Amino acid sequence: MGKVTGFMEFERRNLTEEQVPYRIEGWCEFSMPWDKETLQTQAARCMDCGTPFCHAGRLLNGMTAGCPLHNLIPEWNDLVYRGGWHDALSRLFKTNPFPEFTGRVCPAPCEGSCTLGLSRSPVAIKAIEKSLADMGFEEDWIQPNPPQSRTGRTIAVVGSGPAGLACAWELNQEGHSVTVLERADRIGGLLMYGIPNMKLDKEIVNRRVEILKAEGIRFITGMAVGTDILLEQLHAEYDAVVLCAGATKPRELQVEGRQLAGVHQAMDYLTSSTRSVLSQGMEEEAITACGKDVVVIGGGDTGTDCVATAIRQGCRSVTQLEIMPQAPLSRGGTNPWPEWPKVRKTDYGQAEAIERFGQDPRCYQIATTRLEGDAGNRVTTVRTIQVEWQRDEAGRMLPVELAGSENSLSAQLILLALGFTGPEEALAGELGLERDERSNIRTGGQAEAGSYMTSVEGIFAAGDIRRGPSLVAWAIDEGRQAAREASRYVLNANKLQKRSKTDEIHVRI
């Protein structure tokens, strides 16, 4: 695919980014688009490897390898190289209904499994995907494509994150009447409030939502299933219900002082910040880092987003505490290709902190032992201790505190980016839906692809609520798969075993 010798002739390029001193003054996306010549040159690096691993999503050693959506990456790289922009976009849409999202927020496990990455820098797959999607909108190739007929079946989708939107899109394309219920005031779920604007501009989310509305999907905001309306009621009123509400129960920090003012869950902070940006600073109760020493406890993408957000809000300092050891600079012997490469990287938030404050904000192998406050019960100090990871008698790796390594940090704002433990009780517990050992909603034959029915007939589950916290690409894939199964259920098509007419995405381009 592409130019046969392209991988030997051209070096990888990343999207050009606006310089840190300028971009941290605002909330706009800071990556700049490629011109067509650069786009073609980067696609030319796709090396006709014979047996590509980039497009086949799977779990290897507990980590995602390859694209969960099975994007036909070598095929659209070839078309991009040859200047077949329209055909390349059409090929991308065959597997991914929302490339404008994944091209921005996916960590690109496809690149971790790129064959070229064995000896050189992998193909810039994510940047090419983003560029193609943006070109499609700029050229007005992407237009609403409502179904030509309706089945008369009604399906409710709970949650409007990536799984919910993908599920609703698939069901609507099948001709069903779809209603999406979202408890927040805006549609998008994680895409709207869990990811900062400079990483995913909310106008991009709104643009896609308007297309989905034009295609016939009904959206209801401010409707929390389990409190504002019972799941049992939805089950009675609709032919099927698909739960795509995510795994939004945050992991807590179990230390003294957690109740102090100024200690917040990361997602509450990011949501507050995005609300403030969208309301142009009119959000009355916005959580702000302005003029404060900020400590982010936890790593990952959410921790990075907190660091970047605090900098834009004008924090006095920012420190990020990670309990895990620092990753190596290159793959270790127990992390071979095509597994996700567990290597050290400096993400955009850390790069901005280095530029702004002169040092990397991350401190590794640090455990928080206590939080202290002032007379007004406002947090002032984080007490920490260094840990060393050791194996116990059962062979498990556990953190062991190192005596004499105690330390303290000044903090007026503490953000907990510790991940999530599963779905919230109000939704999952109402009808007694079966759970797995991690508290996720259990579906029939969960180890097998294509089984998304819960323990209650007519109720399906997809995305993080089913598999646990994961990637946006997995959520989109699961949303589509659950939609197909729900569609067969409402049409009683299990006997027909007919191929879904939307196995390939038909977008009017």
Protein backbone atom coordinates (compact mmCIF):
# COMPACT_ATOMS: atom_id res chain seq x y z
CA MET A 1 0.00 0.00 0.00
CA GLY A 2 1.13 3.54 -0.59
CA LYS A 3 4.58 4.07 -2.04
CA VAL A 4 6.58 0.85 -1.89
CA THR A 5 9.74 2.60 -0.71
CA GLY A 6 8.01 5.42 1.13
CA PHE A 7 8.92 4.15 4.58
CA MET A 8 12.60 4.34 3.60
CA GLU A 9 12.37 7.78 2.02
CA PHE A 10 10.25 9.77 4.46
CA GLU A 11 10.52 10.37 8.19
CA ARG A 12 7.47 10.50 10.42
CA ARG A 13 5.99 13.91 11.11
CA ASN A 14 3.51 14.81 13.79
CA LEU A 15 0.91 17.52 13.45
CA THR A 16 2.42 20.94 14.04
CA GLU A 17 1.27 22.46 17.31
CA GLU A 18 0.89 26.08 18.32
CA GLN A 19 3.68 27.17 20.65
CA VAL A 20 2.97 26.65 24.34
CA PRO A 21 3.11 30.31 25.52
CA TYR A 22 0.31 31.19 23.09
CA ARG A 23 -1.90 28.14 23.32
CA ILE A 24 -2.15 28.11 27.11
CA GLU A 25 -3.76 31.55 26.94
CA GLY A 26 -6.95 30.03 25.54
CA TRP A 27 -9.03 26.90 25.09
CA CYS A 28 -8.82 26.31 21.35
CA GLU A 29 -7.42 23.17 19.76
CA PHE A 30 -3.73 23.77 19.11
CA SER A 31 -2.79 21.23 16.43
CA MET A 32 -2.51 22.67 12.94
CA PRO A 33 -3.71 20.84 9.81
CA TRP A 34 -1.35 19.36 7.26
CA ASP A 35 -1.35 20.47 3.67
CA LYS A 36 -2.23 17.79 1.13
CA GLU A 37 1.39 17.19 0.12
CA THR A 38 2.42 16.40 3.72
CA LEU A 39 -0.64 14.22 4.15
CA GLN A 40 0.26 12.20 1.06
CA THR A 41 3.90 11.89 2.12
CA GLN A 42 2.95 10.57 5.54
CA ALA A 43 0.48 8.08 4.05
CA ALA A 44 3.24 6.93 1.71
CA ARG A 45 5.12 5.55 4.72
CA CYS A 46 2.53 2.74 5.02
CA MET A 47 4.83 -0.06 3.93
CA ASP A 48 2.76 -2.77 2.24
CA CYS A 49 3.68 -5.05 5.15
CA GLY A 50 1.66 -8.02 3.88
CA THR A 51 0.11 -8.97 7.21
CA PRO A 52 -0.86 -5.72 8.92
CA PHE A 53 -1.57 -5.71 12.64
CA CYS A 54 -2.70 -2.08 12.83
CA HIS A 55 -6.32 -2.73 11.88
CA ALA A 56 -7.17 -5.74 14.07
CA GLY A 57 -8.09 -4.69 17.60
CA ARG A 58 -7.44 -7.24 20.31
CA LEU A 59 -6.24 -7.47 23.89
CA LEU A 60 -2.65 -8.59 24.35
CA ASN A 61 -1.35 -8.90 27.91
CA GLY A 62 -4.35 -6.89 29.07
CA MET A 63 -3.71 -3.97 26.71
CA THR A 64 -5.31 -2.93 23.44
CA ALA A 65 -3.26 -3.72 20.34
CA GLY A 66 -4.45 -2.54 16.94
CA CYS A 67 -7.63 -0.66 16.10
CA PRO A 68 -10.76 -1.81 17.99
CA LEU A 69 -12.88 -0.51 15.10
CA HIS A 70 -10.92 -2.59 12.55
CA ASN A 71 -10.29 0.51 10.47
CA LEU A 72 -9.01 -0.42 7.01
CA ILE A 73 -5.86 1.57 7.61
CA PRO A 74 -3.59 0.30 4.79
CA GLU A 75 -6.39 0.79 2.29
CA TRP A 76 -7.15 4.41 3.08
CA ASN A 77 -3.44 5.19 3.43
CA ASP A 78 -2.98 3.97 -0.13
CA LEU A 79 -5.88 6.12 -1.35
CA VAL A 80 -4.52 9.18 0.48
CA TYR A 81 -1.09 8.68 -1.06
CA ARG A 82 -2.68 8.54 -4.52
CA GLY A 83 -4.78 11.64 -3.89
CA GLY A 84 -8.10 9.80 -3.79
CA TRP A 85 -9.41 11.92 -0.93
CA HIS A 86 -13.10 11.22 -1.43
CA ASP A 87 -12.56 7.47 -1.75
CA ALA A 88 -10.19 7.44 1.24
CA LEU A 89 -12.80 9.12 3.43
CA SER A 90 -15.46 6.71 2.20
CA ARG A 91 -13.21 3.79 3.14
CA LEU A 92 -12.62 5.27 6.59
CA PHE A 93 -16.37 5.62 7.14
CA LYS A 94 -16.92 1.95 6.39
CA THR A 95 -15.78 1.10 9.90
CA ASN A 96 -15.83 4.32 11.92
CA PRO A 97 -18.86 6.63 12.09
CA PHE A 98 -17.03 9.30 14.10
CA PRO A 99 -13.40 9.66 12.89
CA GLU A 100 -13.42 13.33 13.90
CA PHE A 101 -13.53 12.10 17.52
CA THR A 102 -11.09 9.20 17.40
CA GLY A 103 -8.65 11.21 15.28
CA ARG A 104 -8.39 13.60 18.21
CA VAL A 105 -8.73 11.62 21.44
CA CYS A 106 -7.77 8.01 20.70
CA PRO A 107 -4.29 7.05 22.02
CA ALA A 108 -3.72 5.24 18.70
CA PRO A 109 -3.09 1.59 19.60
CA CYS A 110 -2.97 1.11 15.83
CA GLU A 111 0.36 2.92 15.80
CA GLY A 112 1.65 0.72 18.61
CA SER A 113 0.99 -2.29 16.36
CA CYS A 114 2.29 -0.73 13.13
CA THR A 115 4.85 -3.04 11.50
CA LEU A 116 7.05 -0.07 10.65
CA GLY A 117 7.32 0.59 14.39
CA LEU A 118 9.51 -2.49 14.74
CA SER A 119 12.48 -0.58 13.37
CA ARG A 120 11.40 3.02 12.83
CA SER A 121 8.73 5.49 13.91
CA PRO A 122 5.28 4.11 13.05
CA VAL A 123 2.99 5.59 10.43
CA ALA A 124 1.17 8.71 11.71
CA ILE A 125 -2.18 6.94 11.43
CA LYS A 126 -4.08 9.08 13.94
CA ALA A 127 -3.06 12.35 12.28
CA ILE A 128 -4.05 11.05 8.85
CA GLU A 129 -7.44 9.96 10.20
CA LYS A 130 -8.07 13.38 11.77
CA SER A 131 -7.01 15.15 8.60
CA LEU A 132 -9.31 13.04 6.44
CA ALA A 133 -12.31 13.62 8.70
CA ASP A 134 -11.68 17.37 8.86
CA MET A 135 -11.34 17.50 5.07
CA GLY A 136 -14.68 15.76 4.71
CA PHE A 137 -16.44 18.44 6.74
CA GLU A 138 -14.56 21.31 5.11
CA GLU A 139 -15.55 20.07 1.65
CA ASP A 140 -19.18 19.43 2.73
CA TRP A 141 -18.86 15.79 1.76
CA ILE A 142 -20.42 14.71 5.06
CA GLN A 143 -24.15 15.33 5.11
CA PRO A 144 -27.11 13.86 7.03
CA ASN A 145 -28.21 10.50 5.61
CA PRO A 146 -31.55 9.53 7.19
CA PRO A 147 -33.00 6.07 6.55
CA GLN A 148 -35.48 5.84 3.69
CA SER A 149 -38.05 3.92 5.73
CA ARG A 150 -38.95 3.18 9.35
CA THR A 151 -39.55 -0.18 11.00
CA GLY A 152 -42.06 1.02 13.59
CA ARG A 153 -39.85 -0.26 16.42
CA THR A 154 -38.79 2.07 19.24
CA ILE A 155 -35.49 1.82 21.12
CA ALA A 156 -34.17 3.92 24.00
CA VAL A 157 -30.43 4.51 24.37
CA VAL A 158 -29.27 5.59 27.84
CA GLY A 159 -26.19 7.80 27.66
CA SER A 160 -24.85 9.98 24.85
CA GLY A 161 -21.13 9.29 25.07
CA PRO A 162 -19.27 7.55 22.23
CA ALA A 163 -21.00 4.21 22.84
CA GLY A 164 -24.45 5.80 23.04
CA LEU A 165 -23.99 7.93 19.93
CA ALA A 166 -22.62 5.01 17.91
CA CYS A 167 -25.46 2.77 19.09
CA ALA A 168 -28.08 5.37 18.25
CA TRP A 169 -26.56 6.00 14.83
CA GLU A 170 -26.54 2.29 13.96
CA LEU A 171 -30.10 1.72 15.16
CA ASN A 172 -31.35 4.77 13.30
CA GLN A 173 -29.69 3.61 10.09
CA GLU A 174 -31.61 0.36 10.51
CA GLY A 175 -34.82 2.39 10.45
CA HIS A 176 -35.79 2.18 14.11
CA SER A 177 -37.08 5.19 16.04
CA VAL A 178 -34.34 6.03 18.52
CA THR A 179 -34.48 8.20 21.64
CA VAL A 180 -31.25 9.04 23.47
CA LEU A 181 -31.55 10.03 27.13
CA GLU A 182 -28.71 12.06 28.69
CA ARG A 183 -28.63 13.26 32.30
CA ALA A 184 -26.36 16.25 31.57
CA ASP A 185 -27.54 19.48 29.99
CA ARG A 186 -25.64 18.84 26.76
CA ILE A 187 -25.26 15.81 24.51
CA GLY A 188 -21.90 14.07 24.25
CA GLY A 189 -21.19 12.42 27.60
CA LEU A 190 -17.44 11.91 27.97
CA LEU A 191 -16.87 13.71 24.67
CA MET A 192 -18.58 16.83 25.96
CA TYR A 193 -17.57 17.07 29.61
CA GLY A 194 -14.79 14.52 30.18
CA ILE A 195 -12.33 15.84 27.61
CA PRO A 196 -11.14 19.50 27.65
CA ASN A 197 -12.00 21.83 24.80
CA MET A 198 -8.39 22.25 23.65
CA LYS A 199 -8.24 18.49 23.05
CA LEU A 200 -11.71 18.15 21.50
CA ASP A 201 -13.49 21.36 20.56
CA LYS A 202 -17.12 21.09 21.63
CA GLU A 203 -18.31 22.58 18.34
CA ILE A 204 -17.04 19.38 16.73
CA VAL A 205 -19.26 17.36 19.07
CA ASN A 206 -22.22 19.65 18.45
CA ARG A 207 -21.70 19.43 14.69
CA ARG A 208 -22.01 15.65 14.80
CA VAL A 209 -25.03 15.79 17.12
CA GLU A 210 -26.81 18.13 14.68
CA ILE A 211 -26.20 15.62 11.89
CA LEU A 212 -27.63 12.82 14.03
CA LYS A 213 -30.68 14.96 14.80
CA ALA A 214 -31.17 15.67 11.10
CA GLU A 215 -31.06 11.92 10.49
CA GLY A 216 -34.01 11.46 12.83
CA ILE A 217 -32.55 10.65 16.26
CA ARG A 218 -34.37 12.22 19.22
CA PHE A 219 -32.26 13.54 22.11
CA ILE A 220 -33.49 14.33 25.61
CA THR A 221 -31.14 16.11 28.04
CA GLY A 222 -31.47 16.54 31.80
CA MET A 223 -32.96 13.07 32.11
CA ALA A 224 -31.17 10.80 34.59
CA VAL A 225 -32.36 7.23 34.19
CA GLY A 226 -32.78 5.69 37.61
CA THR A 227 -33.84 8.95 39.27
CA ASP A 228 -35.76 11.25 36.87
CA ILE A 229 -37.21 8.24 35.05
CA LEU A 230 -37.04 4.60 36.05
CA LEU A 231 -35.34 2.01 33.88
CA GLU A 232 -38.40 -0.15 34.45
CA GLN A 233 -40.53 2.52 32.78
CA LEU A 234 -38.26 2.66 29.74
CA HIS A 235 -38.34 -1.13 29.56
CA ALA A 236 -42.13 -1.04 29.46
CA GLU A 237 -42.47 1.83 26.98
CA TYR A 238 -39.82 0.88 24.40
CA ASP A 239 -39.28 -2.28 22.39
CA ALA A 240 -35.70 -2.40 23.67
CA VAL A 241 -33.31 -0.39 25.85
CA VAL A 242 -29.54 -0.13 25.39
CA LEU A 243 -27.48 1.05 28.38
CA CYS A 244 -24.45 3.08 27.33
CA ALA A 245 -24.06 5.20 30.44
CA GLY A 246 -20.38 4.47 31.03
CA ALA A 247 -18.42 3.50 34.12
CA THR A 248 -18.67 6.81 35.92
CA LYS A 249 -18.24 5.81 39.57
CA PRO A 250 -14.88 7.36 40.52
CA ARG A 251 -12.24 5.61 42.59
CA GLU A 252 -11.82 7.34 45.93
CA LEU A 253 -8.71 8.37 47.84
CA GLN A 254 -9.02 6.69 51.24
CA VAL A 255 -6.94 8.99 53.41
CA GLU A 256 -7.51 11.35 56.30
CA GLY A 257 -8.57 14.80 55.10
CA ARG A 258 -10.39 13.68 51.96
CA GLN A 259 -13.45 15.67 53.07
CA LEU A 260 -11.61 19.00 53.09
CA ALA A 261 -12.79 21.78 50.78
CA GLY A 262 -10.64 22.04 47.68
CA VAL A 263 -10.39 18.26 47.09
CA HIS A 264 -12.28 17.23 43.96
CA GLN A 265 -12.69 14.31 41.65
CA ALA A 266 -10.95 15.03 38.33
CA MET A 267 -14.10 14.54 36.29
CA ASP A 268 -16.01 17.05 38.42
CA TYR A 269 -13.21 19.53 37.85
CA LEU A 270 -13.02 18.96 34.08
CA THR A 271 -16.80 19.18 33.78
CA SER A 272 -16.84 22.44 35.73
CA SER A 273 -14.08 23.86 33.55
CA THR A 274 -15.82 22.95 30.30
CA ARG A 275 -19.11 24.41 31.53
CA SER A 276 -17.25 27.63 32.31
CA VAL A 277 -15.63 27.70 28.85
CA LEU A 278 -18.95 27.07 27.10
CA SER A 279 -20.72 29.73 29.20
CA GLN A 280 -17.82 32.16 28.59
CA GLY A 281 -16.94 32.34 32.25
CA MET A 282 -20.49 32.81 33.51
CA GLU A 283 -20.54 29.52 35.42
CA GLU A 284 -21.13 30.66 38.98
CA GLU A 285 -19.76 27.64 40.83
CA ALA A 286 -16.82 26.79 38.59
CA ILE A 287 -13.89 25.04 40.26
CA THR A 288 -10.82 27.09 39.44
CA ALA A 289 -7.07 26.67 39.84
CA CYS A 290 -6.36 30.37 39.44
CA GLY A 291 -3.56 31.46 41.79
CA LYS A 292 -3.42 28.08 43.54
CA ASP A 293 -0.86 25.36 44.07
CA VAL A 294 -2.45 22.35 42.37
CA VAL A 295 -1.70 18.70 43.08
CA VAL A 296 -3.05 16.10 40.67
CA ILE A 297 -3.10 12.62 42.19
CA GLY A 298 -3.02 10.02 39.43
CA GLY A 299 -1.69 9.73 35.91
CA GLY A 300 -3.18 8.73 32.59
CA ASP A 301 -5.03 10.94 30.12
CA THR A 302 -7.34 12.36 32.78
CA GLY A 303 -4.42 13.46 34.94
CA THR A 304 -2.79 15.09 31.91
CA ASP A 305 -6.01 16.93 31.09
CA CYS A 306 -6.16 18.23 34.67
CA VAL A 307 -2.59 19.55 34.43
CA ALA A 308 -3.31 21.33 31.14
CA THR A 309 -6.59 22.76 32.43
CA ALA A 310 -5.01 24.08 35.64
CA ILE A 311 -2.30 25.83 33.62
CA ARG A 312 -4.90 27.56 31.43
CA GLN A 313 -6.77 28.67 34.54
CA GLY A 314 -3.62 30.37 35.85
CA CYS A 315 -2.44 28.06 38.61
CA ARG A 316 0.60 29.11 40.66
CA SER A 317 2.16 25.64 40.41
CA VAL A 318 1.12 22.12 39.42
CA THR A 319 2.44 18.77 40.61
CA GLN A 320 1.30 15.35 39.44
CA LEU A 321 1.76 12.39 41.79
CA GLU A 322 1.92 8.90 40.29
CA ILE A 323 2.24 5.79 42.43
CA MET A 324 3.61 3.70 39.54
CA PRO A 325 7.30 3.70 38.50
CA GLN A 326 8.46 5.79 35.56
CA ALA A 327 8.17 3.88 32.27
CA PRO A 328 11.33 3.00 30.31
CA LEU A 329 12.41 4.92 27.22
CA SER A 330 12.04 1.86 24.97
CA ARG A 331 10.13 -1.43 25.02
CA GLY A 332 11.23 -3.92 27.62
CA GLY A 333 11.66 -7.63 27.03
CA THR A 334 8.24 -8.38 28.49
CA ASN A 335 6.52 -5.81 26.25
CA PRO A 336 7.13 -6.99 22.67
CA TRP A 337 5.53 -5.67 19.49
CA PRO A 338 2.59 -5.66 18.63
CA GLU A 339 1.57 -5.00 22.26
CA TRP A 340 0.85 -1.45 23.31
CA PRO A 341 4.31 0.07 23.98
CA LYS A 342 4.67 0.85 27.68
CA VAL A 343 7.29 3.55 27.17
CA ARG A 344 7.87 6.98 28.62
CA LYS A 345 6.17 9.84 26.85
CA THR A 346 5.58 13.49 27.56
CA ASP A 347 1.99 14.36 26.74
CA TYR A 348 0.69 17.82 25.95
CA GLY A 349 -0.11 18.74 29.57
CA GLN A 350 3.31 17.82 30.87
CA ALA A 351 4.98 19.62 27.94
CA GLU A 352 3.03 22.74 28.83
CA ALA A 353 4.01 22.47 32.50
CA ILE A 354 7.69 22.10 31.56
CA GLU A 355 7.46 25.21 29.38
CA ARG A 356 5.50 27.19 31.97
CA PHE A 357 7.29 26.19 35.17
CA GLY A 358 10.61 24.82 33.97
CA GLN A 359 10.18 21.23 35.15
CA ASP A 360 8.19 18.07 34.57
CA PRO A 361 5.24 18.05 37.00
CA ARG A 362 5.31 14.27 37.47
CA CYS A 363 6.67 12.62 40.60
CA TYR A 364 6.80 8.82 40.45
CA GLN A 365 6.36 6.12 43.10
CA ILE A 366 4.67 8.56 45.46
CA ALA A 367 1.76 7.61 47.73
CA THR A 368 -0.49 10.13 49.46
CA THR A 369 -0.77 9.47 53.20
CA ARG A 370 -2.78 12.41 54.53
CA LEU A 371 -4.39 15.72 53.57
CA GLU A 372 -4.29 18.66 55.96
CA GLY A 373 -6.31 21.85 56.11
CA ASP A 374 -6.67 25.19 57.84
CA ALA A 375 -9.15 26.36 60.46
CA GLY A 376 -11.77 26.81 57.75
CA ASN A 377 -11.43 23.17 56.64
CA ARG A 378 -9.80 24.19 53.37
CA VAL A 379 -7.02 21.96 52.14
CA THR A 380 -3.50 23.37 52.51
CA THR A 381 -1.07 20.41 52.49
CA VAL A 382 -0.52 16.99 50.94
CA ARG A 383 1.56 14.53 52.98
CA THR A 384 3.32 11.89 50.89
CA ILE A 385 5.76 9.01 51.13
CA GLN A 386 7.87 7.29 48.51
CA VAL A 387 7.11 3.64 47.70
CA GLU A 388 8.98 0.74 46.19
CA TRP A 389 7.18 -1.98 44.25
CA GLN A 390 7.92 -5.47 45.57
CA ARG A 391 6.43 -8.93 45.10
CA ASP A 392 4.57 -10.50 47.99
CA GLU A 393 4.45 -14.23 48.78
CA ALA A 394 1.67 -14.72 46.21
CA GLY A 395 3.75 -13.06 43.47
CA ARG A 396 1.70 -9.87 43.37
CA MET A 397 3.44 -6.53 42.94
CA LEU A 398 2.60 -4.23 45.86
CA PRO A 399 3.82 -0.77 46.89
CA VAL A 400 5.95 -0.76 50.05
CA GLU A 401 6.50 2.51 51.88
CA LEU A 402 10.12 3.61 52.33
CA ALA A 403 10.81 4.85 55.85
CA GLY A 404 12.32 8.31 56.01
CA SER A 405 10.97 9.40 52.60
CA GLU A 406 8.06 11.44 53.95
CA ASN A 407 7.42 14.77 52.29
CA SER A 408 4.79 17.52 52.15
CA LEU A 409 3.45 19.70 49.35
CA SER A 410 1.54 22.96 49.52
CA ALA A 411 -1.87 22.62 47.84
CA GLN A 412 -5.04 24.66 47.74
CA LEU A 413 -6.58 22.45 45.02
CA ILE A 414 -6.27 18.67 44.85
CA LEU A 415 -7.61 16.72 41.87
CA LEU A 416 -8.17 12.98 42.10
CA ALA A 417 -7.47 11.28 38.75
CA LEU A 418 -7.58 7.72 40.06
CA GLY A 419 -9.83 6.15 37.45
CA PHE A 420 -13.27 4.60 37.77
CA THR A 421 -14.62 1.48 39.44
CA GLY A 422 -17.78 0.78 37.45
CA PRO A 423 -21.33 1.99 36.74
CA GLU A 424 -23.34 3.97 39.23
CA GLU A 425 -25.82 2.17 41.46
CA ALA A 426 -28.94 4.18 40.56
CA LEU A 427 -28.95 2.75 37.05
CA ALA A 428 -27.48 -0.71 37.40
CA GLY A 429 -29.23 -1.71 40.59
CA GLU A 430 -32.83 -0.79 39.83
CA LEU A 431 -33.88 -3.97 38.00
CA GLY A 432 -31.29 -6.15 39.66
CA LEU A 433 -29.14 -6.48 36.55
CA GLU A 434 -26.43 -9.05 37.04
CA ARG A 435 -22.89 -7.74 37.57
CA ASP A 436 -19.50 -9.23 36.98
CA GLU A 437 -16.70 -9.38 39.55
CA ARG A 438 -15.69 -5.79 38.71
CA SER A 439 -19.27 -4.51 39.17
CA ASN A 440 -19.80 -3.97 35.43
CA ILE A 441 -23.14 -5.01 33.99
CA ARG A 442 -22.90 -8.62 32.90
CA THR A 443 -24.15 -9.63 29.47
CA GLY A 444 -24.77 -13.12 28.16
CA GLY A 445 -21.65 -14.88 26.92
CA GLN A 446 -19.61 -11.78 27.70
CA ALA A 447 -16.34 -13.44 26.68
CA GLU A 448 -17.76 -13.89 23.17
CA ALA A 449 -18.18 -11.10 20.65
CA GLY A 450 -21.73 -10.08 19.91
CA SER A 451 -23.51 -10.93 23.17
CA TYR A 452 -24.83 -7.72 24.67
CA MET A 453 -28.13 -8.79 26.27
CA THR A 454 -28.21 -8.26 30.04
CA SER A 455 -29.88 -10.61 32.52
CA VAL A 456 -33.19 -8.82 31.76
CA GLU A 457 -34.63 -9.61 28.35
CA GLY A 458 -34.88 -6.60 26.08
CA ILE A 459 -32.22 -4.61 27.93
CA PHE A 460 -28.74 -4.46 26.40
CA ALA A 461 -25.47 -2.91 27.57
CA ALA A 462 -22.43 -1.62 25.69
CA GLY A 463 -19.26 0.36 26.24
CA ASP A 464 -17.67 1.10 29.61
CA ILE A 465 -20.79 0.09 31.54
CA ARG A 466 -20.20 -3.44 30.22
CA ARG A 467 -16.43 -3.75 29.77
CA GLY A 468 -15.15 -1.24 32.32
CA PRO A 469 -13.21 1.98 31.66
CA SER A 470 -11.67 1.73 28.21
CA LEU A 471 -10.96 3.57 24.96
CA VAL A 472 -13.36 5.69 22.91
CA ALA A 473 -12.75 3.33 19.98
CA TRP A 474 -13.88 0.30 22.02
CA ALA A 475 -16.99 2.24 23.10
CA ILE A 476 -17.90 3.05 19.49
CA ASP A 477 -17.36 -0.55 18.45
CA GLU A 478 -19.44 -1.93 21.31
CA GLY A 479 -22.22 0.61 20.69
CA ARG A 480 -22.54 -0.58 17.11
CA GLN A 481 -22.38 -4.25 18.03
CA ALA A 482 -25.04 -3.89 20.72
CA ALA A 483 -27.23 -1.96 18.27
CA ARG A 484 -27.12 -4.79 15.79
CA GLU A 485 -28.10 -7.29 18.44
CA ALA A 486 -30.90 -5.05 19.73
CA SER A 487 -32.11 -4.58 16.17
CA ARG A 488 -32.32 -8.33 15.61
CA TYR A 489 -34.17 -8.66 18.88
CA VAL A 490 -36.87 -6.07 18.13
CA LEU A 491 -37.39 -7.43 14.63
CA ASN A 492 -37.38 -10.99 15.88
CA ALA A 493 -34.69 -11.50 13.25
CA ASN A 494 -32.73 -14.14 15.15
CA LYS A 495 -34.54 -16.74 13.02
CA LEU A 496 -33.72 -14.95 9.79
CA GLN A 497 -29.98 -14.63 10.40
CA LYS A 498 -29.80 -11.95 7.75
CA ARG A 499 -26.80 -9.69 7.36
CA SER A 500 -27.26 -6.21 8.78
CA LYS A 501 -27.58 -3.65 6.04
CA THR A 502 -25.21 -1.39 7.97
CA ASP A 503 -22.31 -3.79 8.38
CA GLU A 504 -20.61 -1.14 6.30
CA ILE A 505 -21.33 2.48 7.08
CA HIS A 506 -23.12 4.34 4.30
CA VAL A 507 -22.40 8.04 4.55
CA ARG A 508 -23.52 10.44 1.88
CA ILE A 509 -20.20 11.83 0.71
